[in-house]
Amino acid sequence: MLPVLAFAAPGGTGAHDAMRGPTPILETTTPPPLLNPDNSDVRRSRNYAMQPPVIPHKVEGYQLDKNANRCMMCHARTRTQESQAPMISVTHFMDRQGNFLAELSPRRYFCMQCHVPQANANPLIENRFIDADTMLNKPAPATKK
């Protein structure tokens, strides 16, 4: 259940939102410090089909703009043998019509739109996600006769 948001008039007592803590909605919060990202290089399992893999290493300082894509120095098809990094998926070579391209598709160029680094952080809210395999392998409830 999502928290109910309430807005206060400027100069009022200030409404609060559970995700913001004690800071009133109309005031700016101080962001928490950034956590040190996971740098284990361990590939994590995915929770659902077609989930983009997470980034298991630090990416701070990577140039990823219209002029350069630092990710491709290791994950490009021609670089994986020397880097031992997994090659980007064949879907990254497809255009919107499903045609295969010789190079990385421009719509898949900015990797961190889908792939994200991980950090060991406590969740802000409880997570009750159950992956598809667990759901499919769950025993059927007993039926009453």
N, C-alpha and C. Protein backbone atom coordinates (compact mmCIF):
# COMPACT_ATOMS: atom_id res chain seq x y z
N MET A 1 0.84 -1.17 0.00
CA MET A 1 0.00 0.00 0.00
C MET A 1 0.89 1.24 0.00
N LEU A 2 0.63 2.16 -0.91
CA LEU A 2 1.42 3.37 -1.00
C LEU A 2 0.97 4.38 0.03
N PRO A 3 1.90 5.21 0.53
CA PRO A 3 1.50 6.22 1.50
C PRO A 3 0.63 7.28 0.82
N VAL A 4 -0.27 7.85 1.57
CA VAL A 4 -1.14 8.90 1.06
C VAL A 4 -0.36 10.21 1.16
N LEU A 5 -0.32 10.94 0.06
CA LEU A 5 0.37 12.22 0.06
C LEU A 5 -0.62 13.33 0.38
N ALA A 6 -0.20 14.24 1.18
CA ALA A 6 -1.03 15.41 1.49
C ALA A 6 -0.17 16.63 1.29
N PHE A 7 -0.75 17.66 0.73
CA PHE A 7 0.00 18.88 0.47
C PHE A 7 -0.48 19.98 1.40
N ALA A 8 0.46 20.78 1.83
CA ALA A 8 0.13 21.89 2.73
C ALA A 8 0.36 23.20 2.00
N ALA A 9 -0.39 24.17 2.39
CA ALA A 9 -0.21 25.50 1.82
C ALA A 9 1.10 26.08 2.33
N PRO A 10 1.78 26.90 1.50
CA PRO A 10 3.03 27.52 1.97
C PRO A 10 2.80 28.26 3.27
N GLY A 11 3.72 28.06 4.20
CA GLY A 11 3.62 28.72 5.50
C GLY A 11 2.78 27.94 6.49
N GLY A 12 2.19 26.82 6.05
CA GLY A 12 1.36 26.01 6.94
C GLY A 12 2.23 25.13 7.82
N THR A 13 1.59 24.21 8.53
CA THR A 13 2.32 23.34 9.43
C THR A 13 3.13 22.31 8.68
N GLY A 14 2.76 21.99 7.44
CA GLY A 14 3.55 21.07 6.63
C GLY A 14 3.05 19.65 6.74
N ALA A 15 2.71 19.06 5.61
CA ALA A 15 2.29 17.67 5.57
C ALA A 15 3.53 16.80 5.43
N HIS A 16 3.39 15.54 5.79
CA HIS A 16 4.53 14.63 5.75
C HIS A 16 4.20 13.41 4.89
N ASP A 17 5.24 12.83 4.34
CA ASP A 17 5.14 11.61 3.55
C ASP A 17 6.07 10.59 4.21
N ALA A 18 5.61 9.37 4.37
CA ALA A 18 6.38 8.34 5.07
C ALA A 18 7.75 8.09 4.44
N MET A 19 7.87 8.20 3.12
CA MET A 19 9.15 7.94 2.46
C MET A 19 10.16 9.06 2.71
N ARG A 20 9.70 10.24 3.05
CA ARG A 20 10.60 11.38 3.28
C ARG A 20 10.99 11.52 4.75
N GLY A 21 10.40 10.75 5.61
CA GLY A 21 10.70 10.86 7.02
C GLY A 21 10.05 12.11 7.60
N PRO A 22 10.71 12.75 8.57
CA PRO A 22 10.10 13.89 9.26
C PRO A 22 10.13 15.20 8.46
N THR A 23 10.78 15.22 7.30
CA THR A 23 10.87 16.46 6.53
C THR A 23 9.54 16.75 5.84
N PRO A 24 8.97 17.93 6.05
CA PRO A 24 7.73 18.28 5.37
C PRO A 24 7.90 18.26 3.85
N ILE A 25 6.81 18.00 3.15
CA ILE A 25 6.84 17.85 1.70
C ILE A 25 7.40 19.07 1.00
N LEU A 26 7.10 20.25 1.47
CA LEU A 26 7.53 21.46 0.78
C LEU A 26 8.97 21.86 1.10
N GLU A 27 9.68 21.08 1.92
CA GLU A 27 11.07 21.37 2.24
C GLU A 27 11.99 20.38 1.52
N THR A 28 13.18 20.82 1.21
CA THR A 28 14.17 19.97 0.55
C THR A 28 14.83 19.07 1.58
N THR A 29 14.97 17.80 1.24
CA THR A 29 15.63 16.87 2.15
C THR A 29 17.12 16.83 1.87
N THR A 30 17.88 16.39 2.83
CA THR A 30 19.30 16.15 2.64
C THR A 30 19.45 14.71 2.17
N PRO A 31 20.01 14.47 0.99
CA PRO A 31 20.11 13.10 0.50
C PRO A 31 21.10 12.30 1.34
N PRO A 32 20.86 11.00 1.46
CA PRO A 32 21.81 10.17 2.20
C PRO A 32 23.11 10.05 1.40
N PRO A 33 24.21 9.75 2.05
CA PRO A 33 25.47 9.60 1.31
C PRO A 33 25.38 8.39 0.36
N LEU A 34 26.08 8.48 -0.76
CA LEU A 34 26.11 7.36 -1.69
C LEU A 34 26.85 6.19 -1.07
N LEU A 35 26.34 5.00 -1.29
CA LEU A 35 26.99 3.80 -0.75
C LEU A 35 28.06 3.33 -1.72
N ASN A 36 29.02 2.63 -1.20
CA ASN A 36 30.07 2.07 -2.02
C ASN A 36 29.47 0.95 -2.87
N PRO A 37 29.53 1.02 -4.20
CA PRO A 37 28.91 -0.01 -5.03
C PRO A 37 29.63 -1.35 -4.93
N ASP A 38 28.88 -2.41 -5.19
CA ASP A 38 29.42 -3.76 -5.22
C ASP A 38 30.49 -3.83 -6.32
N ASN A 39 31.62 -4.43 -6.01
CA ASN A 39 32.69 -4.56 -6.99
C ASN A 39 33.20 -6.00 -7.02
N SER A 40 32.28 -6.95 -6.79
CA SER A 40 32.67 -8.36 -6.66
C SER A 40 32.88 -9.06 -7.99
N ASP A 41 32.37 -8.50 -9.08
CA ASP A 41 32.40 -9.12 -10.40
C ASP A 41 31.70 -10.48 -10.43
N VAL A 42 30.80 -10.71 -9.47
CA VAL A 42 30.02 -11.94 -9.44
C VAL A 42 28.71 -11.69 -10.17
N ARG A 43 28.42 -12.52 -11.17
CA ARG A 43 27.17 -12.38 -11.91
C ARG A 43 26.01 -12.82 -11.03
N ARG A 44 24.99 -11.99 -10.93
CA ARG A 44 23.83 -12.29 -10.09
C ARG A 44 22.74 -12.95 -10.92
N SER A 45 21.95 -13.78 -10.25
CA SER A 45 20.83 -14.41 -10.94
C SER A 45 19.77 -13.35 -11.21
N ARG A 46 18.93 -13.62 -12.18
CA ARG A 46 17.87 -12.69 -12.55
C ARG A 46 16.55 -13.20 -11.98
N ASN A 47 15.64 -12.29 -11.70
CA ASN A 47 14.38 -12.64 -11.06
C ASN A 47 13.24 -12.91 -12.03
N TYR A 48 13.38 -12.49 -13.27
CA TYR A 48 12.32 -12.71 -14.25
C TYR A 48 12.93 -12.74 -15.65
N ALA A 49 12.20 -13.34 -16.59
CA ALA A 49 12.67 -13.43 -17.96
C ALA A 49 12.86 -12.03 -18.53
N MET A 50 13.91 -11.84 -19.28
CA MET A 50 14.24 -10.59 -19.95
C MET A 50 14.66 -9.48 -18.98
N GLN A 51 14.96 -9.81 -17.74
CA GLN A 51 15.48 -8.81 -16.81
C GLN A 51 16.89 -8.44 -17.25
N PRO A 52 17.19 -7.15 -17.39
CA PRO A 52 18.56 -6.77 -17.73
C PRO A 52 19.50 -7.15 -16.59
N PRO A 53 20.66 -7.72 -16.89
CA PRO A 53 21.59 -8.06 -15.81
C PRO A 53 22.06 -6.79 -15.10
N VAL A 54 22.35 -6.92 -13.80
CA VAL A 54 22.88 -5.79 -13.05
C VAL A 54 24.38 -5.71 -13.29
N ILE A 55 24.96 -4.56 -12.98
CA ILE A 55 26.39 -4.34 -13.18
C ILE A 55 27.11 -4.77 -11.91
N PRO A 56 27.99 -5.80 -11.97
CA PRO A 56 28.65 -6.29 -10.76
C PRO A 56 30.00 -5.64 -10.48
N HIS A 57 30.21 -4.43 -10.97
CA HIS A 57 31.49 -3.75 -10.74
C HIS A 57 31.26 -2.24 -10.70
N LYS A 58 32.26 -1.52 -10.22
CA LYS A 58 32.16 -0.07 -10.14
C LYS A 58 32.16 0.53 -11.54
N VAL A 59 31.38 1.60 -11.72
CA VAL A 59 31.33 2.30 -13.00
C VAL A 59 31.59 3.79 -12.83
N GLU A 60 32.00 4.17 -11.63
CA GLU A 60 32.29 5.58 -11.36
C GLU A 60 33.38 6.08 -12.31
N GLY A 61 33.11 7.19 -12.96
CA GLY A 61 34.09 7.77 -13.86
C GLY A 61 34.02 7.24 -15.28
N TYR A 62 33.12 6.29 -15.55
CA TYR A 62 32.98 5.77 -16.91
C TYR A 62 32.41 6.87 -17.81
N GLN A 63 33.02 7.05 -18.97
CA GLN A 63 32.45 7.98 -19.94
C GLN A 63 31.36 7.23 -20.69
N LEU A 64 30.17 7.75 -20.63
CA LEU A 64 29.02 7.15 -21.30
C LEU A 64 28.16 8.29 -21.80
N ASP A 65 28.52 8.79 -22.96
CA ASP A 65 27.80 9.91 -23.56
C ASP A 65 27.77 9.72 -25.07
N LYS A 66 27.32 10.72 -25.81
CA LYS A 66 27.17 10.57 -27.25
C LYS A 66 28.51 10.38 -27.96
N ASN A 67 29.62 10.68 -27.30
CA ASN A 67 30.94 10.57 -27.92
C ASN A 67 31.67 9.26 -27.61
N ALA A 68 31.35 8.65 -26.49
CA ALA A 68 32.08 7.44 -26.09
C ALA A 68 31.21 6.58 -25.18
N ASN A 69 31.43 5.27 -25.26
CA ASN A 69 30.74 4.32 -24.39
C ASN A 69 31.79 3.40 -23.78
N ARG A 70 32.20 3.70 -22.56
CA ARG A 70 33.26 2.96 -21.86
C ARG A 70 32.90 1.49 -21.68
N CYS A 71 31.62 1.17 -21.58
CA CYS A 71 31.20 -0.22 -21.38
C CYS A 71 31.66 -1.12 -22.54
N MET A 72 31.67 -0.55 -23.73
CA MET A 72 32.01 -1.34 -24.92
C MET A 72 33.49 -1.69 -24.99
N MET A 73 34.32 -1.10 -24.14
CA MET A 73 35.74 -1.47 -24.13
C MET A 73 35.93 -2.90 -23.63
N CYS A 74 34.96 -3.42 -22.90
CA CYS A 74 35.03 -4.81 -22.42
C CYS A 74 33.91 -5.68 -22.98
N HIS A 75 32.70 -5.12 -23.14
CA HIS A 75 31.53 -5.92 -23.48
C HIS A 75 31.21 -5.98 -24.97
N ALA A 76 31.96 -5.30 -25.82
CA ALA A 76 31.74 -5.37 -27.26
C ALA A 76 32.11 -6.77 -27.76
N ARG A 77 31.45 -7.20 -28.80
CA ARG A 77 31.69 -8.53 -29.38
C ARG A 77 33.18 -8.77 -29.65
N THR A 78 33.88 -7.77 -30.13
CA THR A 78 35.29 -7.92 -30.49
C THR A 78 36.24 -7.85 -29.31
N ARG A 79 35.76 -7.52 -28.11
CA ARG A 79 36.65 -7.34 -26.95
C ARG A 79 36.46 -8.38 -25.86
N THR A 80 35.45 -9.25 -25.97
CA THR A 80 35.14 -10.15 -24.86
C THR A 80 36.20 -11.23 -24.64
N GLN A 81 36.88 -11.65 -25.66
CA GLN A 81 37.89 -12.70 -25.47
C GLN A 81 39.02 -12.20 -24.59
N GLU A 82 39.48 -10.99 -24.82
CA GLU A 82 40.58 -10.47 -24.00
C GLU A 82 40.11 -9.99 -22.63
N SER A 83 38.89 -9.45 -22.55
CA SER A 83 38.40 -8.91 -21.27
C SER A 83 37.75 -9.97 -20.39
N GLN A 84 37.27 -11.05 -21.00
CA GLN A 84 36.53 -12.10 -20.30
C GLN A 84 35.19 -11.60 -19.76
N ALA A 85 34.73 -10.47 -20.24
CA ALA A 85 33.43 -9.93 -19.85
C ALA A 85 32.36 -10.54 -20.75
N PRO A 86 31.12 -10.69 -20.26
CA PRO A 86 30.08 -11.22 -21.14
C PRO A 86 29.78 -10.23 -22.27
N MET A 87 29.52 -10.78 -23.44
CA MET A 87 29.18 -9.95 -24.59
C MET A 87 27.77 -9.41 -24.42
N ILE A 88 27.52 -8.22 -24.93
CA ILE A 88 26.18 -7.67 -24.88
C ILE A 88 25.24 -8.58 -25.67
N SER A 89 24.01 -8.60 -25.30
CA SER A 89 23.00 -9.46 -25.91
C SER A 89 22.80 -9.11 -27.38
N VAL A 90 22.39 -10.11 -28.17
CA VAL A 90 22.10 -9.87 -29.59
C VAL A 90 20.97 -8.87 -29.76
N THR A 91 20.11 -8.71 -28.74
CA THR A 91 19.03 -7.74 -28.84
C THR A 91 19.57 -6.31 -28.94
N HIS A 92 20.79 -6.09 -28.50
CA HIS A 92 21.40 -4.77 -28.56
C HIS A 92 21.84 -4.40 -29.98
N PHE A 93 21.76 -5.36 -30.90
CA PHE A 93 22.12 -5.14 -32.29
C PHE A 93 20.89 -5.05 -33.19
N MET A 94 19.71 -4.94 -32.59
CA MET A 94 18.47 -4.89 -33.36
C MET A 94 17.90 -3.48 -33.38
N ASP A 95 17.30 -3.12 -34.52
CA ASP A 95 16.61 -1.84 -34.59
C ASP A 95 15.16 -2.04 -34.17
N ARG A 96 14.36 -1.00 -34.23
CA ARG A 96 12.96 -1.06 -33.78
C ARG A 96 12.12 -2.04 -34.59
N GLN A 97 12.50 -2.28 -35.83
CA GLN A 97 11.75 -3.19 -36.69
C GLN A 97 12.22 -4.64 -36.56
N GLY A 98 13.21 -4.91 -35.71
CA GLY A 98 13.71 -6.26 -35.51
C GLY A 98 14.80 -6.66 -36.48
N ASN A 99 15.31 -5.71 -37.27
CA ASN A 99 16.40 -6.00 -38.19
C ASN A 99 17.72 -5.97 -37.44
N PHE A 100 18.62 -6.91 -37.77
CA PHE A 100 19.92 -6.95 -37.11
C PHE A 100 20.87 -5.97 -37.76
N LEU A 101 21.64 -5.28 -36.93
CA LEU A 101 22.61 -4.29 -37.37
C LEU A 101 24.02 -4.84 -37.17
N ALA A 102 24.99 -4.26 -37.86
CA ALA A 102 26.39 -4.68 -37.70
C ALA A 102 26.99 -4.11 -36.42
N GLU A 103 26.46 -3.01 -35.95
CA GLU A 103 26.98 -2.34 -34.76
C GLU A 103 25.89 -2.22 -33.70
N LEU A 104 26.27 -1.77 -32.53
CA LEU A 104 25.35 -1.53 -31.42
C LEU A 104 24.26 -0.56 -31.86
N SER A 105 23.01 -0.91 -31.58
CA SER A 105 21.88 -0.06 -31.95
C SER A 105 21.94 1.25 -31.16
N PRO A 106 21.68 2.38 -31.82
CA PRO A 106 21.68 3.66 -31.09
C PRO A 106 20.69 3.70 -29.93
N ARG A 107 19.60 2.95 -30.03
CA ARG A 107 18.62 2.98 -28.93
C ARG A 107 19.07 2.14 -27.74
N ARG A 108 20.15 1.38 -27.89
CA ARG A 108 20.71 0.59 -26.79
C ARG A 108 22.08 1.10 -26.35
N TYR A 109 22.43 2.29 -26.75
CA TYR A 109 23.77 2.84 -26.53
C TYR A 109 24.01 3.23 -25.08
N PHE A 110 23.00 3.77 -24.41
CA PHE A 110 23.18 4.26 -23.04
C PHE A 110 22.84 3.16 -22.04
N CYS A 111 23.83 2.34 -21.73
CA CYS A 111 23.67 1.10 -20.96
C CYS A 111 22.93 1.28 -19.64
N MET A 112 23.22 2.36 -18.93
CA MET A 112 22.68 2.52 -17.59
C MET A 112 21.23 2.99 -17.56
N GLN A 113 20.58 3.00 -18.72
CA GLN A 113 19.13 3.18 -18.72
C GLN A 113 18.47 1.91 -18.20
N CYS A 114 19.09 0.76 -18.42
CA CYS A 114 18.52 -0.52 -18.02
C CYS A 114 19.40 -1.27 -17.02
N HIS A 115 20.70 -1.21 -17.19
CA HIS A 115 21.64 -1.94 -16.33
C HIS A 115 22.11 -1.01 -15.22
N VAL A 116 22.05 -1.48 -13.99
CA VAL A 116 22.39 -0.63 -12.86
C VAL A 116 23.40 -1.30 -11.95
N PRO A 117 24.32 -0.51 -11.36
CA PRO A 117 25.23 -1.08 -10.36
C PRO A 117 24.47 -1.38 -9.08
N GLN A 118 25.01 -2.24 -8.26
CA GLN A 118 24.36 -2.65 -7.02
C GLN A 118 25.17 -2.19 -5.82
N ALA A 119 24.48 -1.99 -4.72
CA ALA A 119 25.13 -1.66 -3.45
C ALA A 119 24.40 -2.43 -2.36
N ASN A 120 25.13 -2.79 -1.33
CA ASN A 120 24.50 -3.46 -0.19
C ASN A 120 23.81 -2.41 0.66
N ALA A 121 22.51 -2.26 0.45
CA ALA A 121 21.73 -1.26 1.16
C ALA A 121 20.45 -1.89 1.67
N ASN A 122 19.98 -1.38 2.79
CA ASN A 122 18.70 -1.85 3.32
C ASN A 122 17.58 -1.25 2.47
N PRO A 123 16.56 -2.05 2.15
CA PRO A 123 15.46 -1.51 1.36
C PRO A 123 14.69 -0.44 2.12
N LEU A 124 14.16 0.53 1.37
CA LEU A 124 13.37 1.59 1.99
C LEU A 124 12.00 1.09 2.44
N ILE A 125 11.47 0.12 1.69
CA ILE A 125 10.19 -0.49 2.03
C ILE A 125 10.33 -2.00 1.92
N GLU A 126 9.45 -2.73 2.56
CA GLU A 126 9.49 -4.19 2.53
C GLU A 126 9.28 -4.69 1.10
N ASN A 127 10.04 -5.69 0.71
CA ASN A 127 9.94 -6.26 -0.62
C ASN A 127 9.37 -7.67 -0.50
N ARG A 128 8.20 -7.89 -1.09
CA ARG A 128 7.58 -9.21 -1.06
C ARG A 128 7.59 -9.86 -2.44
N PHE A 129 8.53 -9.43 -3.29
CA PHE A 129 8.62 -9.97 -4.65
C PHE A 129 8.91 -11.47 -4.60
N ILE A 130 8.21 -12.24 -5.43
CA ILE A 130 8.45 -13.67 -5.57
C ILE A 130 8.72 -13.92 -7.04
N ASP A 131 9.88 -14.52 -7.34
CA ASP A 131 10.23 -14.72 -8.74
C ASP A 131 9.35 -15.78 -9.38
N ALA A 132 9.34 -15.80 -10.71
CA ALA A 132 8.44 -16.68 -11.47
C ALA A 132 8.70 -18.16 -11.17
N ASP A 133 9.96 -18.57 -11.07
CA ASP A 133 10.26 -19.98 -10.79
C ASP A 133 9.69 -20.43 -9.45
N THR A 134 9.80 -19.57 -8.44
CA THR A 134 9.25 -19.90 -7.13
C THR A 134 7.73 -20.04 -7.21
N MET A 135 7.09 -19.14 -7.93
CA MET A 135 5.63 -19.20 -8.08
C MET A 135 5.21 -20.46 -8.82
N LEU A 136 5.93 -20.81 -9.89
CA LEU A 136 5.57 -21.99 -10.68
C LEU A 136 5.79 -23.29 -9.92
N ASN A 137 6.78 -23.32 -9.03
CA ASN A 137 7.12 -24.52 -8.29
C ASN A 137 6.43 -24.60 -6.92
N LYS A 138 5.60 -23.61 -6.61
CA LYS A 138 4.88 -23.58 -5.35
C LYS A 138 3.84 -24.68 -5.34
N PRO A 139 3.76 -25.47 -4.27
CA PRO A 139 2.75 -26.53 -4.23
C PRO A 139 1.33 -25.93 -4.27
N ALA A 140 0.48 -26.61 -4.98
CA ALA A 140 -0.91 -26.16 -5.08
C ALA A 140 -1.59 -26.26 -3.73
N PRO A 141 -2.46 -25.32 -3.41
CA PRO A 141 -3.16 -25.39 -2.12
C PRO A 141 -4.09 -26.60 -2.11
N ALA A 142 -4.22 -27.17 -0.93
CA ALA A 142 -5.09 -28.34 -0.78
C ALA A 142 -6.55 -27.93 -1.02
N THR A 143 -7.27 -28.76 -1.75
CA THR A 143 -8.68 -28.46 -2.04
C THR A 143 -9.56 -29.18 -1.04
N LYS A 144 -10.66 -28.54 -0.67
CA LYS A 144 -11.60 -29.14 0.27
C LYS A 144 -12.59 -30.00 -0.51
N LYS A 145 -12.96 -31.12 0.10
CA LYS A 145 -13.93 -32.02 -0.54
C LYS A 145 -15.30 -31.79 -0.03
